[in-house]
Amino acid sequence: MARPCYIELPAADLASAKAFYARAFGWSLSDFGPSYAATTTGDVDVGLQGDMREAPTAPLPVILVDDLEAALAAVTAAGGVMARPIFAFPGGRRFQFRDPHGNELAVMQAD
């Protein structure tokens, strides 16, 4: 079953963003390279993208699925428009799309 599992946020100043969320909510964020950090609770986690070339322009909800290719076919058939084709990242693979209302979302399959 598909479910929201992640939210990615742009963070032009990654260190400052990490400090803010740690102070405000007590979040512990793990570094995944020089420009990315994320919570790793296994619930709905939050990622901070510090590389503005890769960062979403708004919060990016991520939906977890069991079969990425089947989800891609279903999203396309339903009228979704591809924003970023399937790519690998530490922990899985994902693609990004815009729904018919212009909202950008991602769909991921974990390794």
N, C-alpha and C. Protein backbone atom coordinates (compact mmCIF):
# COMPACT_ATOMS: atom_id res chain seq x y z
N MET A 1 0.85 -1.18 0.00
CA MET A 1 0.00 0.00 0.00
C MET A 1 0.89 1.24 0.00
N ALA A 2 0.54 2.21 -0.80
CA ALA A 2 1.30 3.46 -0.88
C ALA A 2 0.92 4.36 0.30
N ARG A 3 1.95 5.00 0.88
CA ARG A 3 1.69 5.91 1.99
C ARG A 3 2.76 6.99 2.02
N PRO A 4 2.40 8.19 2.47
CA PRO A 4 3.43 9.22 2.65
C PRO A 4 4.45 8.74 3.69
N CYS A 5 5.73 8.91 3.37
CA CYS A 5 6.76 8.44 4.29
C CYS A 5 7.84 9.48 4.53
N TYR A 6 7.83 10.59 3.78
CA TYR A 6 8.96 11.50 3.81
C TYR A 6 8.53 12.87 3.31
N ILE A 7 9.16 13.89 3.83
CA ILE A 7 8.97 15.25 3.33
C ILE A 7 10.35 15.86 3.17
N GLU A 8 10.63 16.37 1.97
CA GLU A 8 11.92 16.99 1.71
C GLU A 8 11.74 18.50 1.65
N LEU A 9 12.63 19.21 2.35
CA LEU A 9 12.56 20.67 2.42
C LEU A 9 13.83 21.29 1.85
N PRO A 10 13.70 22.42 1.16
CA PRO A 10 14.91 23.14 0.74
C PRO A 10 15.56 23.78 1.97
N ALA A 11 16.90 23.82 1.97
CA ALA A 11 17.62 24.40 3.11
C ALA A 11 18.91 25.05 2.60
N ALA A 12 18.83 26.31 2.21
CA ALA A 12 19.99 27.01 1.63
C ALA A 12 21.17 27.01 2.60
N ASP A 13 20.91 27.08 3.89
CA ASP A 13 21.96 27.01 4.90
C ASP A 13 21.70 25.77 5.74
N LEU A 14 22.31 24.67 5.33
CA LEU A 14 22.02 23.37 5.94
C LEU A 14 22.34 23.36 7.44
N ALA A 15 23.47 23.89 7.82
CA ALA A 15 23.84 23.89 9.25
C ALA A 15 22.82 24.65 10.09
N SER A 16 22.39 25.80 9.59
CA SER A 16 21.40 26.59 10.31
C SER A 16 20.06 25.87 10.39
N ALA A 17 19.66 25.23 9.30
CA ALA A 17 18.40 24.51 9.28
C ALA A 17 18.44 23.34 10.26
N LYS A 18 19.55 22.59 10.26
CA LYS A 18 19.69 21.49 11.21
C LYS A 18 19.60 22.00 12.65
N ALA A 19 20.27 23.10 12.93
CA ALA A 19 20.25 23.67 14.28
C ALA A 19 18.84 24.11 14.67
N PHE A 20 18.12 24.72 13.74
CA PHE A 20 16.76 25.17 14.03
C PHE A 20 15.87 23.99 14.42
N TYR A 21 15.85 22.94 13.59
CA TYR A 21 14.96 21.81 13.86
C TYR A 21 15.38 21.04 15.10
N ALA A 22 16.66 21.01 15.38
CA ALA A 22 17.12 20.37 16.62
C ALA A 22 16.62 21.15 17.83
N ARG A 23 16.76 22.48 17.78
CA ARG A 23 16.31 23.32 18.92
C ARG A 23 14.79 23.35 19.03
N ALA A 24 14.11 23.50 17.89
CA ALA A 24 12.65 23.66 17.92
C ALA A 24 11.93 22.37 18.28
N PHE A 25 12.40 21.23 17.76
CA PHE A 25 11.65 19.99 17.92
C PHE A 25 12.46 18.85 18.51
N GLY A 26 13.74 19.07 18.78
CA GLY A 26 14.58 18.01 19.32
C GLY A 26 14.95 16.96 18.30
N TRP A 27 14.84 17.30 17.01
CA TRP A 27 15.15 16.32 15.96
C TRP A 27 16.65 16.08 15.89
N SER A 28 17.01 14.84 15.69
CA SER A 28 18.38 14.45 15.40
C SER A 28 18.44 14.17 13.91
N LEU A 29 19.30 14.89 13.20
CA LEU A 29 19.42 14.72 11.76
C LEU A 29 20.77 14.11 11.41
N SER A 30 20.73 13.07 10.59
CA SER A 30 21.95 12.40 10.13
C SER A 30 22.38 13.03 8.81
N ASP A 31 23.69 13.19 8.65
CA ASP A 31 24.22 13.72 7.40
C ASP A 31 24.32 12.60 6.36
N PHE A 32 23.91 12.93 5.15
CA PHE A 32 24.03 12.04 4.00
C PHE A 32 24.77 12.81 2.93
N GLY A 33 26.06 12.98 3.11
CA GLY A 33 26.86 13.80 2.20
C GLY A 33 26.93 15.22 2.71
N PRO A 34 27.62 16.09 1.96
CA PRO A 34 27.86 17.45 2.43
C PRO A 34 26.65 18.38 2.35
N SER A 35 25.62 18.01 1.59
CA SER A 35 24.51 18.95 1.39
C SER A 35 23.15 18.36 1.73
N TYR A 36 23.11 17.25 2.49
CA TYR A 36 21.83 16.63 2.79
C TYR A 36 21.87 16.07 4.20
N ALA A 37 20.78 16.24 4.91
CA ALA A 37 20.61 15.67 6.24
C ALA A 37 19.15 15.26 6.40
N ALA A 38 18.91 14.27 7.26
CA ALA A 38 17.54 13.79 7.42
C ALA A 38 17.35 13.14 8.77
N THR A 39 16.09 13.15 9.22
CA THR A 39 15.72 12.35 10.38
C THR A 39 15.66 10.91 9.90
N THR A 40 15.84 9.98 10.79
CA THR A 40 15.79 8.55 10.41
C THR A 40 14.99 7.77 11.44
N THR A 41 13.77 8.23 11.67
CA THR A 41 12.93 7.58 12.68
C THR A 41 12.20 6.37 12.13
N GLY A 42 12.04 6.31 10.79
CA GLY A 42 11.28 5.23 10.20
C GLY A 42 9.80 5.53 10.11
N ASP A 43 9.39 6.65 10.65
CA ASP A 43 8.00 7.09 10.53
C ASP A 43 7.97 8.03 9.33
N VAL A 44 7.30 9.16 9.39
CA VAL A 44 7.37 10.16 8.33
C VAL A 44 8.59 11.01 8.63
N ASP A 45 9.66 10.78 7.89
CA ASP A 45 10.92 11.49 8.13
C ASP A 45 11.00 12.77 7.33
N VAL A 46 11.92 13.64 7.71
CA VAL A 46 12.13 14.93 7.05
C VAL A 46 13.57 15.00 6.57
N GLY A 47 13.73 15.38 5.30
CA GLY A 47 15.05 15.58 4.73
C GLY A 47 15.27 17.04 4.41
N LEU A 48 16.49 17.51 4.61
CA LEU A 48 16.87 18.89 4.31
C LEU A 48 17.87 18.86 3.15
N GLN A 49 17.50 19.44 2.02
CA GLN A 49 18.36 19.48 0.84
C GLN A 49 19.06 20.82 0.79
N GLY A 50 20.36 20.82 1.02
CA GLY A 50 21.15 22.04 1.03
C GLY A 50 21.71 22.43 -0.32
N ASP A 51 21.66 21.54 -1.30
CA ASP A 51 22.12 21.85 -2.65
C ASP A 51 20.95 22.47 -3.40
N MET A 52 20.98 23.77 -3.58
CA MET A 52 19.84 24.47 -4.16
C MET A 52 19.58 24.06 -5.61
N ARG A 53 20.57 23.47 -6.28
CA ARG A 53 20.34 22.96 -7.63
C ARG A 53 19.46 21.71 -7.59
N GLU A 54 19.47 21.00 -6.48
CA GLU A 54 18.69 19.77 -6.32
C GLU A 54 17.45 19.96 -5.45
N ALA A 55 17.38 21.06 -4.74
CA ALA A 55 16.32 21.27 -3.75
C ALA A 55 14.97 21.54 -4.42
N PRO A 56 13.91 21.04 -3.81
CA PRO A 56 12.58 21.40 -4.30
C PRO A 56 12.31 22.87 -3.99
N THR A 57 11.41 23.47 -4.74
CA THR A 57 11.07 24.88 -4.49
C THR A 57 10.07 25.02 -3.35
N ALA A 58 9.44 23.93 -2.98
CA ALA A 58 8.45 23.89 -1.90
C ALA A 58 8.60 22.54 -1.21
N PRO A 59 7.98 22.34 -0.06
CA PRO A 59 8.03 21.02 0.57
C PRO A 59 7.63 19.94 -0.44
N LEU A 60 8.38 18.85 -0.45
CA LEU A 60 8.17 17.76 -1.39
C LEU A 60 7.72 16.52 -0.63
N PRO A 61 6.41 16.19 -0.69
CA PRO A 61 5.96 14.94 -0.07
C PRO A 61 6.46 13.75 -0.88
N VAL A 62 6.86 12.69 -0.18
CA VAL A 62 7.34 11.48 -0.83
C VAL A 62 6.43 10.32 -0.42
N ILE A 63 5.99 9.56 -1.42
CA ILE A 63 5.08 8.44 -1.21
C ILE A 63 5.86 7.14 -1.38
N LEU A 64 5.78 6.26 -0.42
CA LEU A 64 6.47 4.98 -0.44
C LEU A 64 5.59 3.95 -1.15
N VAL A 65 6.19 3.21 -2.10
CA VAL A 65 5.47 2.16 -2.82
C VAL A 65 6.33 0.90 -2.85
N ASP A 66 5.70 -0.23 -3.17
CA ASP A 66 6.42 -1.49 -3.29
C ASP A 66 6.99 -1.70 -4.69
N ASP A 67 6.37 -1.10 -5.71
CA ASP A 67 6.78 -1.31 -7.10
C ASP A 67 6.86 0.04 -7.81
N LEU A 68 8.07 0.56 -7.95
CA LEU A 68 8.27 1.91 -8.50
C LEU A 68 7.80 2.01 -9.95
N GLU A 69 8.10 1.02 -10.76
CA GLU A 69 7.71 1.07 -12.17
C GLU A 69 6.20 1.04 -12.33
N ALA A 70 5.51 0.23 -11.53
CA ALA A 70 4.05 0.18 -11.58
C ALA A 70 3.46 1.52 -11.14
N ALA A 71 4.06 2.13 -10.12
CA ALA A 71 3.58 3.44 -9.66
C ALA A 71 3.80 4.49 -10.74
N LEU A 72 4.93 4.46 -11.42
CA LEU A 72 5.20 5.40 -12.50
C LEU A 72 4.16 5.26 -13.61
N ALA A 73 3.84 4.04 -13.98
CA ALA A 73 2.82 3.81 -15.00
C ALA A 73 1.46 4.32 -14.54
N ALA A 74 1.11 4.10 -13.28
CA ALA A 74 -0.19 4.54 -12.76
C ALA A 74 -0.27 6.07 -12.69
N VAL A 75 0.82 6.71 -12.24
CA VAL A 75 0.85 8.18 -12.16
C VAL A 75 0.70 8.78 -13.55
N THR A 76 1.43 8.23 -14.52
CA THR A 76 1.36 8.74 -15.89
C THR A 76 -0.03 8.53 -16.47
N ALA A 77 -0.60 7.34 -16.28
CA ALA A 77 -1.94 7.05 -16.78
C ALA A 77 -3.00 7.96 -16.16
N ALA A 78 -2.77 8.37 -14.91
CA ALA A 78 -3.74 9.23 -14.23
C ALA A 78 -3.59 10.70 -14.60
N GLY A 79 -2.57 11.04 -15.39
CA GLY A 79 -2.39 12.42 -15.81
C GLY A 79 -1.24 13.15 -15.15
N GLY A 80 -0.42 12.44 -14.37
CA GLY A 80 0.76 13.07 -13.77
C GLY A 80 1.79 13.38 -14.84
N VAL A 81 2.53 14.47 -14.63
CA VAL A 81 3.57 14.90 -15.57
C VAL A 81 4.93 14.73 -14.90
N MET A 82 5.83 14.02 -15.57
CA MET A 82 7.13 13.74 -15.00
C MET A 82 7.93 15.03 -14.79
N ALA A 83 8.47 15.19 -13.57
CA ALA A 83 9.34 16.31 -13.24
C ALA A 83 10.79 15.85 -13.17
N ARG A 84 11.00 14.59 -12.79
CA ARG A 84 12.34 14.01 -12.71
C ARG A 84 12.21 12.50 -12.87
N PRO A 85 12.87 11.92 -13.85
CA PRO A 85 12.73 10.47 -14.06
C PRO A 85 13.36 9.68 -12.91
N ILE A 86 13.15 8.38 -12.93
CA ILE A 86 13.66 7.50 -11.87
C ILE A 86 15.16 7.69 -11.71
N PHE A 87 15.57 7.84 -10.45
CA PHE A 87 16.99 7.95 -10.12
C PHE A 87 17.23 7.23 -8.79
N ALA A 88 18.48 6.81 -8.59
CA ALA A 88 18.87 6.13 -7.35
C ALA A 88 19.42 7.14 -6.36
N PHE A 89 19.24 6.84 -5.09
CA PHE A 89 19.79 7.63 -3.99
C PHE A 89 20.09 6.67 -2.86
N PRO A 90 20.87 7.07 -1.86
CA PRO A 90 21.14 6.14 -0.76
C PRO A 90 19.83 5.70 -0.09
N GLY A 91 19.49 4.44 -0.20
CA GLY A 91 18.28 3.91 0.42
C GLY A 91 17.20 3.50 -0.55
N GLY A 92 17.35 3.83 -1.83
CA GLY A 92 16.31 3.43 -2.77
C GLY A 92 16.38 4.12 -4.10
N ARG A 93 15.23 4.16 -4.75
CA ARG A 93 15.07 4.85 -6.04
C ARG A 93 13.78 5.64 -5.98
N ARG A 94 13.70 6.71 -6.78
CA ARG A 94 12.47 7.50 -6.81
C ARG A 94 12.34 8.25 -8.12
N PHE A 95 11.13 8.79 -8.34
CA PHE A 95 10.88 9.74 -9.42
C PHE A 95 10.03 10.86 -8.85
N GLN A 96 9.99 11.98 -9.55
CA GLN A 96 9.18 13.12 -9.13
C GLN A 96 8.24 13.49 -10.26
N PHE A 97 7.03 13.93 -9.86
CA PHE A 97 6.01 14.28 -10.85
C PHE A 97 5.19 15.46 -10.34
N ARG A 98 4.47 16.07 -11.26
CA ARG A 98 3.50 17.10 -10.92
C ARG A 98 2.10 16.53 -11.16
N ASP A 99 1.23 16.74 -10.20
CA ASP A 99 -0.14 16.29 -10.38
C ASP A 99 -0.87 17.27 -11.30
N PRO A 100 -2.10 16.98 -11.69
CA PRO A 100 -2.81 17.88 -12.61
C PRO A 100 -3.03 19.30 -12.06
N HIS A 101 -2.78 19.51 -10.77
CA HIS A 101 -2.96 20.83 -10.16
C HIS A 101 -1.64 21.55 -9.96
N GLY A 102 -0.54 20.96 -10.43
CA GLY A 102 0.76 21.60 -10.35
C GLY A 102 1.58 21.27 -9.12
N ASN A 103 1.06 20.45 -8.21
CA ASN A 103 1.81 20.07 -7.01
C ASN A 103 2.88 19.06 -7.38
N GLU A 104 4.11 19.26 -6.87
CA GLU A 104 5.17 18.30 -7.12
C GLU A 104 5.26 17.32 -5.95
N LEU A 105 5.31 16.04 -6.29
CA LEU A 105 5.45 14.96 -5.32
C LEU A 105 6.52 14.00 -5.82
N ALA A 106 6.99 13.15 -4.94
CA ALA A 106 7.93 12.10 -5.32
C ALA A 106 7.35 10.76 -4.90
N VAL A 107 7.77 9.73 -5.61
CA VAL A 107 7.38 8.36 -5.29
C VAL A 107 8.67 7.57 -5.16
N MET A 108 8.82 6.81 -4.07
CA MET A 108 10.06 6.07 -3.85
C MET A 108 9.79 4.61 -3.54
N GLN A 109 10.77 3.78 -3.90
CA GLN A 109 10.81 2.38 -3.51
C GLN A 109 12.11 2.19 -2.73
N ALA A 110 12.01 1.70 -1.53
CA ALA A 110 13.19 1.49 -0.69
C ALA A 110 13.97 0.27 -1.17
N ASP A 111 15.29 0.29 -0.92
CA ASP A 111 16.13 -0.86 -1.24
C ASP A 111 15.75 -2.04 -0.38
